[in-house]
Amino acid sequence: MSRPLLATLLLTLALPLAAADVRELNWSELVPADAPPQQMDAAPIHDLSQLADALAESGPAAMQQSPAAPVVKELDGQQVKLPGYIVPLDVTEEGRVIEFLLVPYFGACIHVPPPPSNQIVHVTSELGVLLDALYQPFWIEGPLKVEHVSSELAEVGYQMEANKIYAYEMPNS
């Protein structure tokens, strides 16, 4: 076999592998580099006796920090994986969350001010995640869309149809 033919064959075989690469993102990469700093309107809760009130289902909904925060348009269509916490929007009769908001910290969007819209991803998944497992962080993988979505809990800057959802594990130090 000639070298040019072998090189062409190897390149042809390698292209699908390169196309399938998943880019690992962190939350700061969802904010444009030239975006103005985000204002944090919420005062931290130092009195832990107030924490239950802030997280209570019956408590008042908090105003979102930046409902129209700028997004990174270059991320549109990229295969990515992003760690975060799940805030359920739709649950099946079997107790699987099939539509949710992915947020960077636990408790976001539940009667504490939701993060800026560029720090929330609206996710749909056929398989979903068991409702009982939502207290832990997850990796979510799939094609990211830069698209505004309004939900009952917050305005959102990104969307994803999850190909994979699995428990986040801390890297070994």
C-alpha atoms as a PDB file:
ATOM      1  CA  MET A   1       0.000   0.000   0.000  1.00  0.00           C
ATOM      2  CA  SER A   2       1.397   3.415  -0.925  1.00  0.00           C
ATOM      3  CA  ARG A   3       2.150   5.968   1.782  1.00  0.00           C
ATOM      4  CA  PRO A   4      -0.299   8.623   0.481  1.00  0.00           C
ATOM      5  CA  LEU A   5      -3.063   6.002   0.354  1.00  0.00           C
ATOM      6  CA  LEU A   6      -2.221   4.768   3.863  1.00  0.00           C
ATOM      7  CA  ALA A   7      -2.139   8.340   5.211  1.00  0.00           C
ATOM      8  CA  THR A   8      -5.505   9.091   3.593  1.00  0.00           C
ATOM      9  CA  LEU A   9      -7.005   5.906   5.022  1.00  0.00           C
ATOM     10  CA  LEU A  10      -5.722   6.675   8.534  1.00  0.00           C
ATOM     11  CA  LEU A  11      -6.957  10.263   8.338  1.00  0.00           C
ATOM     12  CA  THR A  12     -10.389   9.076   7.161  1.00  0.00           C
ATOM     13  CA  LEU A  13     -10.626   6.660  10.092  1.00  0.00           C
ATOM     14  CA  ALA A  14      -9.478   9.275  12.619  1.00  0.00           C
ATOM     15  CA  LEU A  15     -11.927  12.027  11.578  1.00  0.00           C
ATOM     16  CA  PRO A  16     -15.018  10.450  13.184  1.00  0.00           C
ATOM     17  CA  LEU A  17     -13.059  10.028  16.430  1.00  0.00           C
ATOM     18  CA  ALA A  18     -12.036  13.688  16.431  1.00  0.00           C
ATOM     19  CA  ALA A  19     -15.607  14.762  15.661  1.00  0.00           C
ATOM     20  CA  ALA A  20     -16.870  12.758  18.639  1.00  0.00           C
ATOM     21  CA  ASP A  21     -14.619  14.576  21.130  1.00  0.00           C
ATOM     22  CA  VAL A  22     -16.538  16.061  24.017  1.00  0.00           C
ATOM     23  CA  ARG A  23     -15.303  19.369  25.401  1.00  0.00           C
ATOM     24  CA  GLU A  24     -15.290  19.547  29.198  1.00  0.00           C
ATOM     25  CA  LEU A  25     -16.556  22.952  30.276  1.00  0.00           C
ATOM     26  CA  ASN A  26     -16.539  24.769  33.568  1.00  0.00           C
ATOM     27  CA  TRP A  27     -19.188  27.335  34.425  1.00  0.00           C
ATOM     28  CA  SER A  28     -16.937  30.351  33.877  1.00  0.00           C
ATOM     29  CA  GLU A  29     -16.587  29.345  30.208  1.00  0.00           C
ATOM     30  CA  LEU A  30     -20.315  30.051  29.723  1.00  0.00           C
ATOM     31  CA  VAL A  31     -19.681  33.754  30.405  1.00  0.00           C
ATOM     32  CA  PRO A  32     -18.115  35.852  27.614  1.00  0.00           C
ATOM     33  CA  ALA A  33     -14.619  37.132  28.467  1.00  0.00           C
ATOM     34  CA  ASP A  34     -15.706  40.730  27.815  1.00  0.00           C
ATOM     35  CA  ALA A  35     -18.920  40.516  29.866  1.00  0.00           C
ATOM     36  CA  PRO A  36     -19.314  42.973  32.736  1.00  0.00           C
ATOM     37  CA  PRO A  37     -18.966  41.434  36.212  1.00  0.00           C
ATOM     38  CA  GLN A  38     -22.197  39.902  37.548  1.00  0.00           C
ATOM     39  CA  GLN A  39     -23.785  41.543  40.575  1.00  0.00           C
ATOM     40  CA  MET A  40     -24.725  39.175  43.369  1.00  0.00           C
ATOM     41  CA  ASP A  41     -27.904  40.659  44.860  1.00  0.00           C
ATOM     42  CA  ALA A  42     -28.423  38.014  47.509  1.00  0.00           C
ATOM     43  CA  ALA A  43     -26.878  38.443  50.906  1.00  0.00           C
ATOM     44  CA  PRO A  44     -25.379  35.205  52.181  1.00  0.00           C
ATOM     45  CA  ILE A  45     -27.273  33.487  54.956  1.00  0.00           C
ATOM     46  CA  HIS A  46     -24.999  33.472  58.009  1.00  0.00           C
ATOM     47  CA  ASP A  47     -27.721  32.523  60.465  1.00  0.00           C
ATOM     48  CA  LEU A  48     -28.303  28.854  59.634  1.00  0.00           C
ATOM     49  CA  SER A  49     -31.699  28.985  61.326  1.00  0.00           C
ATOM     50  CA  GLN A  50     -32.805  31.062  58.291  1.00  0.00           C
ATOM     51  CA  LEU A  51     -31.632  28.429  55.804  1.00  0.00           C
ATOM     52  CA  ALA A  52     -34.739  26.274  56.181  1.00  0.00           C
ATOM     53  CA  ASP A  53     -36.937  29.314  55.496  1.00  0.00           C
ATOM     54  CA  ALA A  54     -34.943  30.192  52.373  1.00  0.00           C
ATOM     55  CA  LEU A  55     -35.217  26.656  50.985  1.00  0.00           C
ATOM     56  CA  ALA A  56     -38.815  26.005  52.047  1.00  0.00           C
ATOM     57  CA  GLU A  57     -41.274  25.136  49.286  1.00  0.00           C
ATOM     58  CA  SER A  58     -43.725  27.684  50.698  1.00  0.00           C
ATOM     59  CA  GLY A  59     -41.209  30.530  50.775  1.00  0.00           C
ATOM     60  CA  PRO A  60     -41.380  33.395  48.288  1.00  0.00           C
ATOM     61  CA  ALA A  61     -39.588  32.951  44.968  1.00  0.00           C
ATOM     62  CA  ALA A  62     -36.398  35.009  44.740  1.00  0.00           C
ATOM     63  CA  MET A  63     -35.655  37.375  41.854  1.00  0.00           C
ATOM     64  CA  GLN A  64     -33.103  36.154  39.321  1.00  0.00           C
ATOM     65  CA  GLN A  65     -29.756  37.954  39.438  1.00  0.00           C
ATOM     66  CA  SER A  66     -29.287  38.606  35.687  1.00  0.00           C
ATOM     67  CA  PRO A  67     -32.130  37.223  33.550  1.00  0.00           C
ATOM     68  CA  ALA A  68     -30.554  38.392  30.266  1.00  0.00           C
ATOM     69  CA  ALA A  69     -26.849  37.775  30.881  1.00  0.00           C
ATOM     70  CA  PRO A  70     -24.625  37.560  27.771  1.00  0.00           C
ATOM     71  CA  VAL A  71     -23.788  34.103  26.383  1.00  0.00           C
ATOM     72  CA  VAL A  72     -20.833  32.626  24.468  1.00  0.00           C
ATOM     73  CA  LYS A  73     -22.205  32.202  20.925  1.00  0.00           C
ATOM     74  CA  GLU A  74     -19.177  30.122  19.841  1.00  0.00           C
ATOM     75  CA  LEU A  75     -20.378  27.267  22.088  1.00  0.00           C
ATOM     76  CA  ASP A  76     -23.478  26.735  19.934  1.00  0.00           C
ATOM     77  CA  GLY A  77     -23.545  23.186  18.548  1.00  0.00           C
ATOM     78  CA  GLN A  78     -20.485  21.952  20.453  1.00  0.00           C
ATOM     79  CA  GLN A  79     -20.493  18.545  22.148  1.00  0.00           C
ATOM     80  CA  VAL A  80     -19.811  19.370  25.790  1.00  0.00           C
ATOM     81  CA  LYS A  81     -19.902  17.959  29.285  1.00  0.00           C
ATOM     82  CA  LEU A  82     -20.634  20.165  32.262  1.00  0.00           C
ATOM     83  CA  PRO A  83     -20.912  19.335  35.977  1.00  0.00           C
ATOM     84  CA  GLY A  84     -23.724  20.710  38.061  1.00  0.00           C
ATOM     85  CA  TYR A  85     -26.844  20.214  40.126  1.00  0.00           C
ATOM     86  CA  ILE A  86     -30.293  19.330  38.831  1.00  0.00           C
ATOM     87  CA  VAL A  87     -33.385  21.430  39.496  1.00  0.00           C
ATOM     88  CA  PRO A  88     -36.365  19.363  38.257  1.00  0.00           C
ATOM     89  CA  LEU A  89     -38.996  20.773  35.907  1.00  0.00           C
ATOM     90  CA  ASP A  90     -40.754  17.589  34.688  1.00  0.00           C
ATOM     91  CA  VAL A  91     -40.919  14.219  36.447  1.00  0.00           C
ATOM     92  CA  THR A  92     -42.398  10.998  35.025  1.00  0.00           C
ATOM     93  CA  GLU A  93     -44.827   8.784  36.937  1.00  0.00           C
ATOM     94  CA  GLU A  94     -41.856   6.460  37.569  1.00  0.00           C
ATOM     95  CA  GLY A  95     -40.019   9.251  39.422  1.00  0.00           C
ATOM     96  CA  ARG A  96     -37.520  10.136  36.676  1.00  0.00           C
ATOM     97  CA  VAL A  97     -36.636  13.771  36.038  1.00  0.00           C
ATOM     98  CA  ILE A  98     -36.697  14.181  32.233  1.00  0.00           C
ATOM     99  CA  GLU A  99     -36.601  17.984  32.038  1.00  0.00           C
ATOM    100  CA  PHE A 100     -34.510  20.112  34.363  1.00  0.00           C
ATOM    101  CA  LEU A 101     -32.279  23.112  34.879  1.00  0.00           C
ATOM    102  CA  LEU A 102     -28.582  22.403  35.382  1.00  0.00           C
ATOM    103  CA  VAL A 103     -27.052  24.924  37.776  1.00  0.00           C
ATOM    104  CA  PRO A 104     -23.559  25.397  39.241  1.00  0.00           C
ATOM    105  CA  TYR A 105     -24.443  25.072  42.930  1.00  0.00           C
ATOM    106  CA  PHE A 106     -26.912  23.176  45.095  1.00  0.00           C
ATOM    107  CA  GLY A 107     -30.169  24.958  45.872  1.00  0.00           C
ATOM    108  CA  ALA A 108     -30.025  27.427  42.975  1.00  0.00           C
ATOM    109  CA  CYS A 109     -33.498  28.413  41.688  1.00  0.00           C
ATOM    110  CA  ILE A 110     -35.269  27.133  44.813  1.00  0.00           C
ATOM    111  CA  HIS A 111     -36.196  30.271  46.742  1.00  0.00           C
ATOM    112  CA  VAL A 112     -32.649  31.586  46.655  1.00  0.00           C
ATOM    113  CA  PRO A 113     -31.836  33.965  43.810  1.00  0.00           C
ATOM    114  CA  PRO A 114     -31.334  31.946  40.623  1.00  0.00           C
ATOM    115  CA  PRO A 115     -27.933  32.455  39.029  1.00  0.00           C
ATOM    116  CA  PRO A 116     -27.558  34.628  35.926  1.00  0.00           C
ATOM    117  CA  SER A 117     -29.165  33.166  32.787  1.00  0.00           C
ATOM    118  CA  ASN A 118     -25.707  32.313  31.367  1.00  0.00           C
ATOM    119  CA  GLN A 119     -25.132  30.070  34.397  1.00  0.00           C
ATOM    120  CA  ILE A 120     -28.191  27.873  33.762  1.00  0.00           C
ATOM    121  CA  VAL A 121     -28.678  25.141  31.130  1.00  0.00           C
ATOM    122  CA  HIS A 122     -32.164  23.853  30.270  1.00  0.00           C
ATOM    123  CA  VAL A 123     -31.780  20.078  29.778  1.00  0.00           C
ATOM    124  CA  THR A 124     -34.082  17.397  28.391  1.00  0.00           C
ATOM    125  CA  SER A 125     -33.362  13.677  28.577  1.00  0.00           C
ATOM    126  CA  GLU A 126     -35.307  10.605  27.468  1.00  0.00           C
ATOM    127  CA  LEU A 127     -33.919   8.404  30.253  1.00  0.00           C
ATOM    128  CA  GLY A 128     -33.759  11.079  32.933  1.00  0.00           C
ATOM    129  CA  VAL A 129     -32.450  10.899  36.488  1.00  0.00           C
ATOM    130  CA  LEU A 130     -34.135   9.352  39.517  1.00  0.00           C
ATOM    131  CA  LEU A 131     -35.716  12.035  41.672  1.00  0.00           C
ATOM    132  CA  ASP A 132     -34.126  10.488  44.788  1.00  0.00           C
ATOM    133  CA  ALA A 133     -30.610  11.118  43.397  1.00  0.00           C
ATOM    134  CA  LEU A 134     -30.834  14.897  42.992  1.00  0.00           C
ATOM    135  CA  TYR A 135     -28.822  15.832  46.078  1.00  0.00           C
ATOM    136  CA  GLN A 136     -25.566  14.960  44.322  1.00  0.00           C
ATOM    137  CA  PRO A 137     -23.860  16.678  41.373  1.00  0.00           C
ATOM    138  CA  PHE A 138     -23.927  15.140  37.890  1.00  0.00           C
ATOM    139  CA  TRP A 139     -22.013  15.350  34.628  1.00  0.00           C
ATOM    140  CA  ILE A 140     -24.323  16.161  31.718  1.00  0.00           C
ATOM    141  CA  GLU A 141     -23.092  15.478  28.150  1.00  0.00           C
ATOM    142  CA  GLY A 142     -24.602  16.476  24.836  1.00  0.00           C
ATOM    143  CA  PRO A 143     -24.787  19.146  22.157  1.00  0.00           C
ATOM    144  CA  LEU A 144     -25.039  22.631  23.664  1.00  0.00           C
ATOM    145  CA  LYS A 145     -27.360  25.176  22.066  1.00  0.00           C
ATOM    146  CA  VAL A 146     -27.058  28.883  22.704  1.00  0.00           C
ATOM    147  CA  GLU A 147     -30.761  29.569  23.015  1.00  0.00           C
ATOM    148  CA  HIS A 148     -32.854  31.548  25.488  1.00  0.00           C
ATOM    149  CA  VAL A 149     -35.535  29.613  27.367  1.00  0.00           C
ATOM    150  CA  SER A 150     -38.038  30.837  29.936  1.00  0.00           C
ATOM    151  CA  SER A 151     -39.037  28.444  32.694  1.00  0.00           C
ATOM    152  CA  GLU A 152     -41.238  28.935  35.728  1.00  0.00           C
ATOM    153  CA  LEU A 153     -38.095  29.208  37.865  1.00  0.00           C
ATOM    154  CA  ALA A 154     -35.693  31.307  35.786  1.00  0.00           C
ATOM    155  CA  GLU A 155     -34.596  32.680  32.436  1.00  0.00           C
ATOM    156  CA  VAL A 156     -32.002  30.418  30.803  1.00  0.00           C
ATOM    157  CA  GLY A 157     -29.236  31.133  28.267  1.00  0.00           C
ATOM    158  CA  TYR A 158     -28.374  27.601  27.084  1.00  0.00           C
ATOM    159  CA  GLN A 159     -30.146  24.366  26.144  1.00  0.00           C
ATOM    160  CA  MET A 160     -29.034  20.752  25.820  1.00  0.00           C
ATOM    161  CA  GLU A 161     -30.549  17.396  24.985  1.00  0.00           C
ATOM    162  CA  ALA A 162     -28.491  15.112  27.224  1.00  0.00           C
ATOM    163  CA  ASN A 163     -26.819  12.097  25.624  1.00  0.00           C
ATOM    164  CA  LYS A 164     -25.308  11.014  28.953  1.00  0.00           C
ATOM    165  CA  ILE A 165     -25.991  11.798  32.602  1.00  0.00           C
ATOM    166  CA  TYR A 166     -23.772  10.302  35.301  1.00  0.00           C
ATOM    167  CA  ALA A 167     -22.691  11.026  38.862  1.00  0.00           C
ATOM    168  CA  TYR A 168     -19.924  13.556  39.322  1.00  0.00           C
ATOM    169  CA  GLU A 169     -16.920  12.268  41.197  1.00  0.00           C
ATOM    170  CA  MET A 170     -14.249  14.511  42.641  1.00  0.00           C
ATOM    171  CA  PRO A 171     -10.917  14.077  40.830  1.00  0.00           C
ATOM    172  CA  ASN A 172      -8.159  12.408  42.842  1.00  0.00           C
ATOM    173  CA  SER A 173      -5.686  14.952  44.166  1.00  0.00           C
END
